[in-house]
Each structure stands twice: as C-alpha cells, then as structure tokens.
Amino acid sequence: MSHILFVGDSNRDTIPFLETMGYRNFVDFVTNLQANFKLDVMIARGEYYKVKPAPPTSSSDHTTLNILPISTEKHRKVQPRKEKFKAGLPTDNVDILREALDTTD
C-alpha cells in the first residue's frame, strides 16, 4: 500500500473534497499563532502518522509540523521474503532460438 500525504498551508482546517475520498487531517492544534487558527494541514489515509507542533522556522507565523510515523503490530512483524524469480533458459529453448536465427534472413 502506498501512502499519499498532502502537507501545506491550506488556509483552512478541512478539505471536503479529500475527506470524501477517505482522507483526514491529522493536524489537531493551532498552527497560526497570531490569528489563533488551524491553517496548515497534513492529510493522509489510515492511522499511520501523528503530527506534533514544533517551533516556527525563523520569523514564520506558522507552527512547523513534525510528522511522525506510527508503527503497528502489522509493521513490526517480520515479513517473510518472497523468493526472487530465477530465470533459467533450458537448453532446448536455446536450440530453438539458434534454429530460428539460422533460418532468418
């Protein structure tokens, strides 16, 4: 399963279009300290992330988002490795190829 994250300054706390597709906003704190609003978003599917506030960068009026992965039992289990495909050419296939190349102009 691939994860798609939408992160940025959306100037709103919800994006209804994405919410209808199963995404949710993980930011549940004020991100613009001067206006006292939640203006930044980190939107994803599932419960694989948590977002914590960090101090603003330089003179920014927005809080920095610290995105942390959440490991689950499913991810902690050691997954058995799949066997790689071993390509081998049987000798009769090579003979058929040689014969085809010999008869081709």
PDB file of N, CA and C in Angstrom:
ATOM      1  N   MET A   1       0.848  -1.180   0.000  1.00  0.00           N
ATOM      2  CA  MET A   1       0.000   0.000   0.000  1.00  0.00           C
ATOM      3  C   MET A   1       0.887   1.234   0.000  1.00  0.00           C
ATOM      4  N   SER A   2       0.651   2.114  -0.911  1.00  0.00           N
ATOM      5  CA  SER A   2       1.416   3.347  -0.944  1.00  0.00           C
ATOM      6  C   SER A   2       0.684   4.406  -0.140  1.00  0.00           C
ATOM      7  N   HIS A   3       1.446   5.344   0.377  1.00  0.00           N
ATOM      8  CA  HIS A   3       0.869   6.406   1.198  1.00  0.00           C
ATOM      9  C   HIS A   3       1.036   7.734   0.475  1.00  0.00           C
ATOM     10  N   ILE A   4      -0.050   8.462   0.387  1.00  0.00           N
ATOM     11  CA  ILE A   4      -0.016   9.786  -0.209  1.00  0.00           C
ATOM     12  C   ILE A   4      -0.289  10.782   0.896  1.00  0.00           C
ATOM     13  N   LEU A   5       0.594  11.749   1.049  1.00  0.00           N
ATOM     14  CA  LEU A   5       0.451  12.781   2.071  1.00  0.00           C
ATOM     15  C   LEU A   5       0.281  14.130   1.397  1.00  0.00           C
ATOM     16  N   PHE A   6      -0.670  14.896   1.875  1.00  0.00           N
ATOM     17  CA  PHE A   6      -0.842  16.276   1.440  1.00  0.00           C
ATOM     18  C   PHE A   6      -0.458  17.137   2.629  1.00  0.00           C
ATOM     19  N   VAL A   7       0.587  17.932   2.472  1.00  0.00           N
ATOM     20  CA  VAL A   7       1.069  18.760   3.565  1.00  0.00           C
ATOM     21  C   VAL A   7       1.207  20.182   3.052  1.00  0.00           C
ATOM     22  N   GLY A   8       0.714  21.135   3.843  1.00  0.00           N
ATOM     23  CA  GLY A   8       0.920  22.516   3.438  1.00  0.00           C
ATOM     24  C   GLY A   8      -0.011  23.496   4.099  1.00  0.00           C
ATOM     25  N   ASP A   9       0.103  24.724   3.658  1.00  0.00           N
ATOM     26  CA  ASP A   9      -0.695  25.838   4.153  1.00  0.00           C
ATOM     27  C   ASP A   9      -1.948  25.915   3.291  1.00  0.00           C
ATOM     28  N   SER A  10      -3.061  25.448   3.819  1.00  0.00           N
ATOM     29  CA  SER A  10      -4.295  25.425   3.032  1.00  0.00           C
ATOM     30  C   SER A  10      -5.228  26.576   3.379  1.00  0.00           C
ATOM     31  N   ASN A  11      -4.898  27.324   4.422  1.00  0.00           N
ATOM     32  CA  ASN A  11      -5.731  28.427   4.914  1.00  0.00           C
ATOM     33  C   ASN A  11      -7.130  27.963   5.316  1.00  0.00           C
ATOM     34  N   ARG A  12      -7.244  26.701   5.672  1.00  0.00           N
ATOM     35  CA  ARG A  12      -8.489  26.133   6.194  1.00  0.00           C
ATOM     36  C   ARG A  12      -8.110  24.863   6.946  1.00  0.00           C
ATOM     37  N   ASP A  13      -8.993  24.396   7.789  1.00  0.00           N
ATOM     38  CA  ASP A  13      -8.658  23.199   8.559  1.00  0.00           C
ATOM     39  C   ASP A  13      -9.235  21.924   7.975  1.00  0.00           C
ATOM     40  N   THR A  14     -10.105  22.041   6.978  1.00  0.00           N
ATOM     41  CA  THR A  14     -10.634  20.851   6.310  1.00  0.00           C
ATOM     42  C   THR A  14     -10.612  21.064   4.799  1.00  0.00           C
ATOM     43  N   ILE A  15     -10.514  19.975   4.081  1.00  0.00           N
ATOM     44  CA  ILE A  15     -10.619  19.996   2.625  1.00  0.00           C
ATOM     45  C   ILE A  15     -11.661  18.944   2.282  1.00  0.00           C
ATOM     46  N   PRO A  16     -12.934  19.364   2.143  1.00  0.00           N
ATOM     47  CA  PRO A  16     -14.032  18.411   1.967  1.00  0.00           C
ATOM     48  C   PRO A  16     -13.851  17.449   0.802  1.00  0.00           C
ATOM     49  N   PHE A  17     -13.255  17.911  -0.287  1.00  0.00           N
ATOM     50  CA  PHE A  17     -13.062  17.053  -1.459  1.00  0.00           C
ATOM     51  C   PHE A  17     -12.233  15.821  -1.100  1.00  0.00           C
ATOM     52  N   LEU A  18     -11.148  16.016  -0.367  1.00  0.00           N
ATOM     53  CA  LEU A  18     -10.292  14.895   0.018  1.00  0.00           C
ATOM     54  C   LEU A  18     -10.948  14.032   1.090  1.00  0.00           C
ATOM     55  N   GLU A  19     -11.727  14.655   1.963  1.00  0.00           N
ATOM     56  CA  GLU A  19     -12.397  13.892   3.019  1.00  0.00           C
ATOM     57  C   GLU A  19     -13.416  12.917   2.435  1.00  0.00           C
ATOM     58  N   THR A  20     -14.029  13.263   1.313  1.00  0.00           N
ATOM     59  CA  THR A  20     -14.985  12.348   0.681  1.00  0.00           C
ATOM     60  C   THR A  20     -14.277  11.121   0.098  1.00  0.00           C
ATOM     61  N   MET A  21     -12.958  11.205  -0.124  1.00  0.00           N
ATOM     62  CA  MET A  21     -12.200  10.080  -0.664  1.00  0.00           C
ATOM     63  C   MET A  21     -11.507   9.274   0.434  1.00  0.00           C
ATOM     64  N   GLY A  22     -11.824   9.546   1.699  1.00  0.00           N
ATOM     65  CA  GLY A  22     -11.264   8.762   2.796  1.00  0.00           C
ATOM     66  C   GLY A  22     -10.037   9.349   3.457  1.00  0.00           C
ATOM     67  N   TYR A  23      -9.647  10.562   3.083  1.00  0.00           N
ATOM     68  CA  TYR A  23      -8.503  11.210   3.713  1.00  0.00           C
ATOM     69  C   TYR A  23      -8.976  11.991   4.937  1.00  0.00           C
ATOM     70  N   ARG A  24      -8.055  12.206   5.883  1.00  0.00           N
ATOM     71  CA  ARG A  24      -8.408  13.037   7.039  1.00  0.00           C
ATOM     72  C   ARG A  24      -7.212  13.892   7.420  1.00  0.00           C
ATOM     73  N   ASN A  25      -7.501  14.995   8.098  1.00  0.00           N
ATOM     74  CA  ASN A  25      -6.470  15.924   8.539  1.00  0.00           C
ATOM     75  C   ASN A  25      -5.945  15.467   9.897  1.00  0.00           C
ATOM     76  N   PHE A  26      -4.634  15.300  10.012  1.00  0.00           N
ATOM     77  CA  PHE A  26      -4.021  14.863  11.263  1.00  0.00           C
ATOM     78  C   PHE A  26      -3.623  16.025  12.162  1.00  0.00           C
ATOM     79  N   VAL A  27      -3.740  17.244  11.674  1.00  0.00           N
ATOM     80  CA  VAL A  27      -3.378  18.418  12.484  1.00  0.00           C
ATOM     81  C   VAL A  27      -4.579  18.778  13.353  1.00  0.00           C
ATOM     82  N   ASP A  28      -4.395  18.676  14.663  1.00  0.00           N
ATOM     83  CA  ASP A  28      -5.495  18.995  15.583  1.00  0.00           C
ATOM     84  C   ASP A  28      -5.083  20.065  16.597  1.00  0.00           C
ATOM     85  N   PHE A  29      -4.229  20.993  16.154  1.00  0.00           N
ATOM     86  CA  PHE A  29      -3.766  22.076  17.013  1.00  0.00           C
ATOM     87  C   PHE A  29      -3.656  23.355  16.188  1.00  0.00           C
ATOM     88  N   VAL A  30      -3.576  24.483  16.861  1.00  0.00           N
ATOM     89  CA  VAL A  30      -3.462  25.793  16.204  1.00  0.00           C
ATOM     90  C   VAL A  30      -2.105  25.881  15.521  1.00  0.00           C
ATOM     91  N   THR A  31      -2.102  26.259  14.237  1.00  0.00           N
ATOM     92  CA  THR A  31      -0.839  26.357  13.504  1.00  0.00           C
ATOM     93  C   THR A  31      -0.453  27.799  13.175  1.00  0.00           C
ATOM     94  N   ASN A  32      -1.379  28.726  13.229  1.00  0.00           N
ATOM     95  CA  ASN A  32      -1.064  30.137  13.034  1.00  0.00           C
ATOM     96  C   ASN A  32      -1.233  30.812  14.384  1.00  0.00           C
ATOM     97  N   LEU A  33      -0.120  31.123  15.011  1.00  0.00           N
ATOM     98  CA  LEU A  33      -0.152  31.618  16.382  1.00  0.00           C
ATOM     99  C   LEU A  33      -0.746  33.021  16.490  1.00  0.00           C
ATOM    100  N   GLN A  34      -0.548  33.867  15.482  1.00  0.00           N
ATOM    101  CA  GLN A  34      -1.061  35.232  15.544  1.00  0.00           C
ATOM    102  C   GLN A  34      -2.576  35.278  15.390  1.00  0.00           C
ATOM    103  N   ALA A  35      -3.107  34.516  14.460  1.00  0.00           N
ATOM    104  CA  ALA A  35      -4.547  34.539  14.200  1.00  0.00           C
ATOM    105  C   ALA A  35      -5.307  33.516  15.042  1.00  0.00           C
ATOM    106  N   ASN A  36      -4.579  32.605  15.707  1.00  0.00           N
ATOM    107  CA  ASN A  36      -5.170  31.582  16.550  1.00  0.00           C
ATOM    108  C   ASN A  36      -6.097  30.657  15.750  1.00  0.00           C
ATOM    109  N   PHE A  37      -5.628  30.265  14.540  1.00  0.00           N
ATOM    110  CA  PHE A  37      -6.393  29.381  13.674  1.00  0.00           C
ATOM    111  C   PHE A  37      -5.558  28.162  13.291  1.00  0.00           C
ATOM    112  N   LYS A  38      -6.256  27.126  12.875  1.00  0.00           N
ATOM    113  CA  LYS A  38      -5.615  25.930  12.326  1.00  0.00           C
ATOM    114  C   LYS A  38      -5.630  26.087  10.808  1.00  0.00           C
ATOM    115  N   LEU A  39      -4.504  26.554  10.229  1.00  0.00           N
ATOM    116  CA  LEU A  39      -4.448  26.852   8.803  1.00  0.00           C
ATOM    117  C   LEU A  39      -3.628  25.845   8.010  1.00  0.00           C
ATOM    118  N   ASP A  40      -2.814  25.041   8.671  1.00  0.00           N
ATOM    119  CA  ASP A  40      -1.969  24.073   7.978  1.00  0.00           C
ATOM    120  C   ASP A  40      -2.596  22.690   8.074  1.00  0.00           C
ATOM    121  N   VAL A  41      -2.308  21.871   7.075  1.00  0.00           N
ATOM    122  CA  VAL A  41      -2.882  20.529   7.051  1.00  0.00           C
ATOM    123  C   VAL A  41      -1.797  19.486   6.781  1.00  0.00           C
ATOM    124  N   MET A  42      -2.043  18.291   7.247  1.00  0.00           N
ATOM    125  CA  MET A  42      -1.303  17.088   6.866  1.00  0.00           C
ATOM    126  C   MET A  42      -2.386  16.044   6.691  1.00  0.00           C
ATOM    127  N   ILE A  43      -2.721  15.767   5.438  1.00  0.00           N
ATOM    128  CA  ILE A  43      -3.848  14.907   5.129  1.00  0.00           C
ATOM    129  C   ILE A  43      -3.324  13.588   4.564  1.00  0.00           C
ATOM    130  N   ALA A  44      -3.859  12.481   5.084  1.00  0.00           N
ATOM    131  CA  ALA A  44      -3.482  11.150   4.614  1.00  0.00           C
ATOM    132  C   ALA A  44      -4.609  10.188   4.929  1.00  0.00           C
ATOM    133  N   ARG A  45      -4.479   8.978   4.409  1.00  0.00           N
ATOM    134  CA  ARG A  45      -5.416   7.905   4.736  1.00  0.00           C
ATOM    135  C   ARG A  45      -4.807   7.050   5.839  1.00  0.00           C
ATOM    136  N   GLY A  46      -5.663   6.330   6.547  1.00  0.00           N
ATOM    137  CA  GLY A  46      -5.177   5.388   7.541  1.00  0.00           C
ATOM    138  C   GLY A  46      -4.763   6.061   8.837  1.00  0.00           C
ATOM    139  N   GLU A  47      -4.188   5.264   9.703  1.00  0.00           N
ATOM    140  CA  GLU A  47      -3.758   5.742  11.021  1.00  0.00           C
ATOM    141  C   GLU A  47      -2.257   5.536  11.188  1.00  0.00           C
ATOM    142  N   TYR A  48      -1.478   5.849  10.167  1.00  0.00           N
ATOM    143  CA  TYR A  48      -0.060   5.553  10.193  1.00  0.00           C
ATOM    144  C   TYR A  48       0.808   6.724  10.640  1.00  0.00           C
ATOM    145  N   TYR A  49       0.225   7.883  10.882  1.00  0.00           N
ATOM    146  CA  TYR A  49       1.003   9.070  11.222  1.00  0.00           C
ATOM    147  C   TYR A  49       0.383   9.810  12.396  1.00  0.00           C
ATOM    148  N   LYS A  50       1.224  10.548  13.089  1.00  0.00           N
ATOM    149  CA  LYS A  50       0.732  11.521  14.052  1.00  0.00           C
ATOM    150  C   LYS A  50       1.530  12.801  13.818  1.00  0.00           C
ATOM    151  N   VAL A  51       0.905  13.913  14.084  1.00  0.00           N
ATOM    152  CA  VAL A  51       1.529  15.211  13.833  1.00  0.00           C
ATOM    153  C   VAL A  51       1.632  15.959  15.147  1.00  0.00           C
ATOM    154  N   LYS A  52       2.823  16.491  15.416  1.00  0.00           N
ATOM    155  CA  LYS A  52       3.046  17.278  16.635  1.00  0.00           C
ATOM    156  C   LYS A  52       3.555  18.664  16.236  1.00  0.00           C
ATOM    157  N   PRO A  53       3.235  19.671  17.039  1.00  0.00           N
ATOM    158  CA  PRO A  53       3.739  21.012  16.723  1.00  0.00           C
ATOM    159  C   PRO A  53       5.213  21.147  17.092  1.00  0.00           C
ATOM    160  N   ALA A  54       5.904  21.949  16.305  1.00  0.00           N
ATOM    161  CA  ALA A  54       7.300  22.303  16.582  1.00  0.00           C
ATOM    162  C   ALA A  54       7.406  23.818  16.441  1.00  0.00           C
ATOM    163  N   PRO A  55       8.437  24.436  17.000  1.00  0.00           N
ATOM    164  CA  PRO A  55       8.558  25.899  16.920  1.00  0.00           C
ATOM    165  C   PRO A  55       8.612  26.387  15.475  1.00  0.00           C
ATOM    166  N   PRO A  56       8.121  27.584  15.215  1.00  0.00           N
ATOM    167  CA  PRO A  56       8.170  28.146  13.856  1.00  0.00           C
ATOM    168  C   PRO A  56       9.611  28.313  13.377  1.00  0.00           C
ATOM    169  N   THR A  57       9.786  28.232  12.072  1.00  0.00           N
ATOM    170  CA  THR A  57      11.096  28.443  11.472  1.00  0.00           C
ATOM    171  C   THR A  57      11.307  29.926  11.242  1.00  0.00           C
ATOM    172  N   SER A  58      12.423  30.453  11.709  1.00  0.00           N
ATOM    173  CA  SER A  58      12.812  31.848  11.536  1.00  0.00           C
ATOM    174  C   SER A  58      11.703  32.785  11.996  1.00  0.00           C
ATOM    175  N   SER A  59      11.223  33.660  11.114  1.00  0.00           N
ATOM    176  CA  SER A  59      10.199  34.631  11.506  1.00  0.00           C
ATOM    177  C   SER A  59       8.807  34.230  11.013  1.00  0.00           C
ATOM    178  N   SER A  60       8.614  32.960  10.711  1.00  0.00           N
ATOM    179  CA  SER A  60       7.332  32.487  10.213  1.00  0.00           C
ATOM    180  C   SER A  60       6.244  32.631  11.265  1.00  0.00           C
ATOM    181  N   ASP A  61       5.015  32.870  10.818  1.00  0.00           N
ATOM    182  CA  ASP A  61       3.900  32.958  11.755  1.00  0.00           C
ATOM    183  C   ASP A  61       3.151  31.630  11.867  1.00  0.00           C
ATOM    184  N   HIS A  62       3.678  30.585  11.212  1.00  0.00           N
ATOM    185  CA  HIS A  62       3.065  29.257  11.260  1.00  0.00           C
ATOM    186  C   HIS A  62       3.937  28.297  12.063  1.00  0.00           C
ATOM    187  N   THR A  63       3.303  27.414  12.775  1.00  0.00           N
ATOM    188  CA  THR A  63       3.995  26.363  13.503  1.00  0.00           C
ATOM    189  C   THR A  63       4.549  25.352  12.509  1.00  0.00           C
ATOM    190  N   THR A  64       5.715  24.798  12.787  1.00  0.00           N
ATOM    191  CA  THR A  64       6.279  23.734  11.959  1.00  0.00           C
ATOM    192  C   THR A  64       5.587  22.428  12.329  1.00  0.00           C
ATOM    193  N   LEU A  65       5.275  21.624  11.321  1.00  0.00           N
ATOM    194  CA  LEU A  65       4.624  20.345  11.563  1.00  0.00           C
ATOM    195  C   LEU A  65       5.682  19.250  11.651  1.00  0.00           C
ATOM    196  N   ASN A  66       5.656  18.513  12.732  1.00  0.00           N
ATOM    197  CA  ASN A  66       6.561  17.388  12.926  1.00  0.00           C
ATOM    198  C   ASN A  66       5.747  16.118  12.681  1.00  0.00           C
ATOM    199  N   ILE A  67       5.956  15.468  11.527  1.00  0.00           N
ATOM    200  CA  ILE A  67       5.178  14.299  11.129  1.00  0.00           C
ATOM    201  C   ILE A  67       5.947  13.038  11.540  1.00  0.00           C
ATOM    202  N   LEU A  68       5.291  12.226  12.366  1.00  0.00           N
ATOM    203  CA  LEU A  68       5.921  11.018  12.888  1.00  0.00           C
ATOM    204  C   LEU A  68       5.148   9.782  12.448  1.00  0.00           C
ATOM    205  N   PRO A  69       5.856   8.751  11.991  1.00  0.00           N
ATOM    206  CA  PRO A  69       5.153   7.512  11.643  1.00  0.00           C
ATOM    207  C   PRO A  69       4.770   6.755  12.907  1.00  0.00           C
ATOM    208  N   ILE A  70       3.656   6.055  12.840  1.00  0.00           N
ATOM    209  CA  ILE A  70       3.226   5.206  13.951  1.00  0.00           C
ATOM    210  C   ILE A  70       3.418   3.768  13.489  1.00  0.00           C
ATOM    211  N   SER A  71       4.212   3.020  14.229  1.00  0.00           N
ATOM    212  CA  SER A  71       4.376   1.623  13.846  1.00  0.00           C
ATOM    213  C   SER A  71       3.250   0.807  14.479  1.00  0.00           C
ATOM    214  N   THR A  72       2.791  -0.168  13.770  1.00  0.00           N
ATOM    215  CA  THR A  72       1.717  -1.023  14.260  1.00  0.00           C
ATOM    216  C   THR A  72       2.238  -2.457  14.336  1.00  0.00           C
ATOM    217  N   GLU A  73       1.473  -3.320  14.946  1.00  0.00           N
ATOM    218  CA  GLU A  73       1.873  -4.719  15.030  1.00  0.00           C
ATOM    219  C   GLU A  73       2.119  -5.295  13.643  1.00  0.00           C
ATOM    220  N   LYS A  74       1.300  -4.911  12.697  1.00  0.00           N
ATOM    221  CA  LYS A  74       1.452  -5.413  11.331  1.00  0.00           C
ATOM    222  C   LYS A  74       2.821  -5.045  10.768  1.00  0.00           C
ATOM    223  N   HIS A  75       3.283  -3.832  11.068  1.00  0.00           N
ATOM    224  CA  HIS A  75       4.561  -3.380  10.536  1.00  0.00           C
ATOM    225  C   HIS A  75       5.737  -3.924  11.327  1.00  0.00           C
ATOM    226  N   ARG A  76       5.532  -4.260  12.598  1.00  0.00           N
ATOM    227  CA  ARG A  76       6.613  -4.784  13.417  1.00  0.00           C
ATOM    228  C   ARG A  76       6.919  -6.244  13.135  1.00  0.00           C
ATOM    229  N   LYS A  77       5.949  -6.984  12.620  1.00  0.00           N
ATOM    230  CA  LYS A  77       6.174  -8.395  12.321  1.00  0.00           C
ATOM    231  C   LYS A  77       7.200  -8.522  11.205  1.00  0.00           C
ATOM    232  N   VAL A  78       8.021  -9.530  11.327  1.00  0.00           N
ATOM    233  CA  VAL A  78       8.988  -9.792  10.264  1.00  0.00           C
ATOM    234  C   VAL A  78       8.243 -10.488   9.143  1.00  0.00           C
ATOM    235  N   GLN A  79       8.223  -9.854   8.012  1.00  0.00           N
ATOM    236  CA  GLN A  79       7.542 -10.404   6.850  1.00  0.00           C
ATOM    237  C   GLN A  79       8.487 -11.371   6.143  1.00  0.00           C
ATOM    238  N   PRO A  80       8.009 -12.562   5.787  1.00  0.00           N
ATOM    239  CA  PRO A  80       8.882 -13.483   5.052  1.00  0.00           C
ATOM    240  C   PRO A  80       9.224 -12.905   3.683  1.00  0.00           C
ATOM    241  N   ARG A  81      10.462 -13.089   3.299  1.00  0.00           N
ATOM    242  CA  ARG A  81      10.890 -12.583   1.999  1.00  0.00           C
ATOM    243  C   ARG A  81      10.356 -13.467   0.893  1.00  0.00           C
ATOM    244  N   LYS A  82       9.928 -12.833  -0.154  1.00  0.00           N
ATOM    245  CA  LYS A  82       9.466 -13.575  -1.310  1.00  0.00           C
ATOM    246  C   LYS A  82      10.682 -14.053  -2.096  1.00  0.00           C
ATOM    247  N   GLU A  83      10.556 -15.249  -2.657  1.00  0.00           N
ATOM    248  CA  GLU A  83      11.654 -15.754  -3.471  1.00  0.00           C
ATOM    249  C   GLU A  83      11.726 -14.972  -4.769  1.00  0.00           C
ATOM    250  N   LYS A  84      12.931 -14.640  -5.137  1.00  0.00           N
ATOM    251  CA  LYS A  84      13.119 -13.929  -6.396  1.00  0.00           C
ATOM    252  C   LYS A  84      12.930 -14.910  -7.543  1.00  0.00           C
ATOM    253  N   PHE A  85      12.444 -14.384  -8.639  1.00  0.00           N
ATOM    254  CA  PHE A  85      12.256 -15.210  -9.831  1.00  0.00           C
ATOM    255  C   PHE A  85      13.615 -15.584 -10.381  1.00  0.00           C
ATOM    256  N   LYS A  86      13.824 -16.858 -10.555  1.00  0.00           N
ATOM    257  CA  LYS A  86      15.096 -17.336 -11.100  1.00  0.00           C
ATOM    258  C   LYS A  86      14.887 -17.693 -12.566  1.00  0.00           C
ATOM    259  N   ALA A  87      15.453 -16.866 -13.397  1.00  0.00           N
ATOM    260  CA  ALA A  87      15.301 -17.099 -14.830  1.00  0.00           C
ATOM    261  C   ALA A  87      16.371 -18.071 -15.293  1.00  0.00           C
ATOM    262  N   GLY A  88      15.942 -19.113 -15.893  1.00  0.00           N
ATOM    263  CA  GLY A  88      16.882 -20.081 -16.448  1.00  0.00           C
ATOM    264  C   GLY A  88      16.414 -20.445 -17.845  1.00  0.00           C
ATOM    265  N   LEU A  89      17.340 -20.593 -18.740  1.00  0.00           N
ATOM    266  CA  LEU A  89      16.982 -20.959 -20.105  1.00  0.00           C
ATOM    267  C   LEU A  89      17.276 -22.437 -20.307  1.00  0.00           C
ATOM    268  N   PRO A  90      16.245 -23.225 -20.463  1.00  0.00           N
ATOM    269  CA  PRO A  90      16.506 -24.637 -20.772  1.00  0.00           C
ATOM    270  C   PRO A  90      17.241 -24.742 -22.104  1.00  0.00           C
ATOM    271  N   THR A  91      18.034 -25.762 -22.241  1.00  0.00           N
ATOM    272  CA  THR A  91      18.856 -25.893 -23.454  1.00  0.00           C
ATOM    273  C   THR A  91      18.013 -26.044 -24.705  1.00  0.00           C
ATOM    274  N   ASP A  92      16.834 -26.652 -24.602  1.00  0.00           N
ATOM    275  CA  ASP A  92      16.011 -26.788 -25.808  1.00  0.00           C
ATOM    276  C   ASP A  92      15.501 -25.436 -26.292  1.00  0.00           C
ATOM    277  N   ASN A  93      15.268 -24.478 -25.381  1.00  0.00           N
ATOM    278  CA  ASN A  93      14.875 -23.133 -25.808  1.00  0.00           C
ATOM    279  C   ASN A  93      16.004 -22.453 -26.558  1.00  0.00           C
ATOM    280  N   VAL A  94      17.222 -22.635 -26.108  1.00  0.00           N
ATOM    281  CA  VAL A  94      18.376 -22.039 -26.779  1.00  0.00           C
ATOM    282  C   VAL A  94      18.521 -22.646 -28.173  1.00  0.00           C
ATOM    283  N   ASP A  95      18.339 -23.961 -28.286  1.00  0.00           N
ATOM    284  CA  ASP A  95      18.436 -24.622 -29.597  1.00  0.00           C
ATOM    285  C   ASP A  95      17.360 -24.102 -30.553  1.00  0.00           C
ATOM    286  N   ILE A  96      16.140 -23.897 -30.033  1.00  0.00           N
ATOM    287  CA  ILE A  96      15.047 -23.373 -30.872  1.00  0.00           C
ATOM    288  C   ILE A  96      15.378 -21.957 -31.339  1.00  0.00           C
ATOM    289  N   LEU A  97      15.955 -21.151 -30.477  1.00  0.00           N
ATOM    290  CA  LEU A  97      16.342 -19.781 -30.838  1.00  0.00           C
ATOM    291  C   LEU A  97      17.438 -19.800 -31.892  1.00  0.00           C
ATOM    292  N   ARG A  98      18.431 -20.667 -31.720  1.00  0.00           N
ATOM    293  CA  ARG A  98      19.523 -20.760 -32.708  1.00  0.00           C
ATOM    294  C   ARG A  98      18.978 -21.160 -34.081  1.00  0.00           C
ATOM    295  N   GLU A  99      18.073 -22.124 -34.069  1.00  0.00           N
ATOM    296  CA  GLU A  99      17.485 -22.601 -35.322  1.00  0.00           C
ATOM    297  C   GLU A  99      16.699 -21.478 -36.004  1.00  0.00           C
ATOM    298  N   ALA A 100      15.943 -20.685 -35.200  1.00  0.00           N
ATOM    299  CA  ALA A 100      15.161 -19.571 -35.754  1.00  0.00           C
ATOM    300  C   ALA A 100      16.075 -18.509 -36.342  1.00  0.00           C
ATOM    301  N   LEU A 101      17.188 -18.221 -35.665  1.00  0.00           N
ATOM    302  CA  LEU A 101      18.118 -17.205 -36.165  1.00  0.00           C
ATOM    303  C   LEU A 101      18.853 -17.696 -37.408  1.00  0.00           C
ATOM    304  N   ASP A 102      19.149 -18.987 -37.501  1.00  0.00           N
ATOM    305  CA  ASP A 102      19.837 -19.527 -38.671  1.00  0.00           C
ATOM    306  C   ASP A 102      18.977 -19.470 -39.913  1.00  0.00           C
ATOM    307  N   THR A 103      17.653 -19.570 -39.748  1.00  0.00           N
ATOM    308  CA  THR A 103      16.759 -19.589 -40.905  1.00  0.00           C
ATOM    309  C   THR A 103      16.180 -18.229 -41.230  1.00  0.00           C
ATOM    310  N   THR A 104      16.594 -17.184 -40.483  1.00  0.00           N
ATOM    311  CA  THR A 104      16.066 -15.838 -40.706  1.00  0.00           C
ATOM    312  C   THR A 104      17.028 -15.050 -41.593  1.00  0.00           C
ATOM    313  N   ASP A 105      16.494 -14.330 -42.569  1.00  0.00           N
ATOM    314  CA  ASP A 105      17.345 -13.503 -43.451  1.00  0.00           C
ATOM    315  C   ASP A 105      17.778 -12.247 -42.735  1.00  0.00           C
TER     316      ASP A 105
END
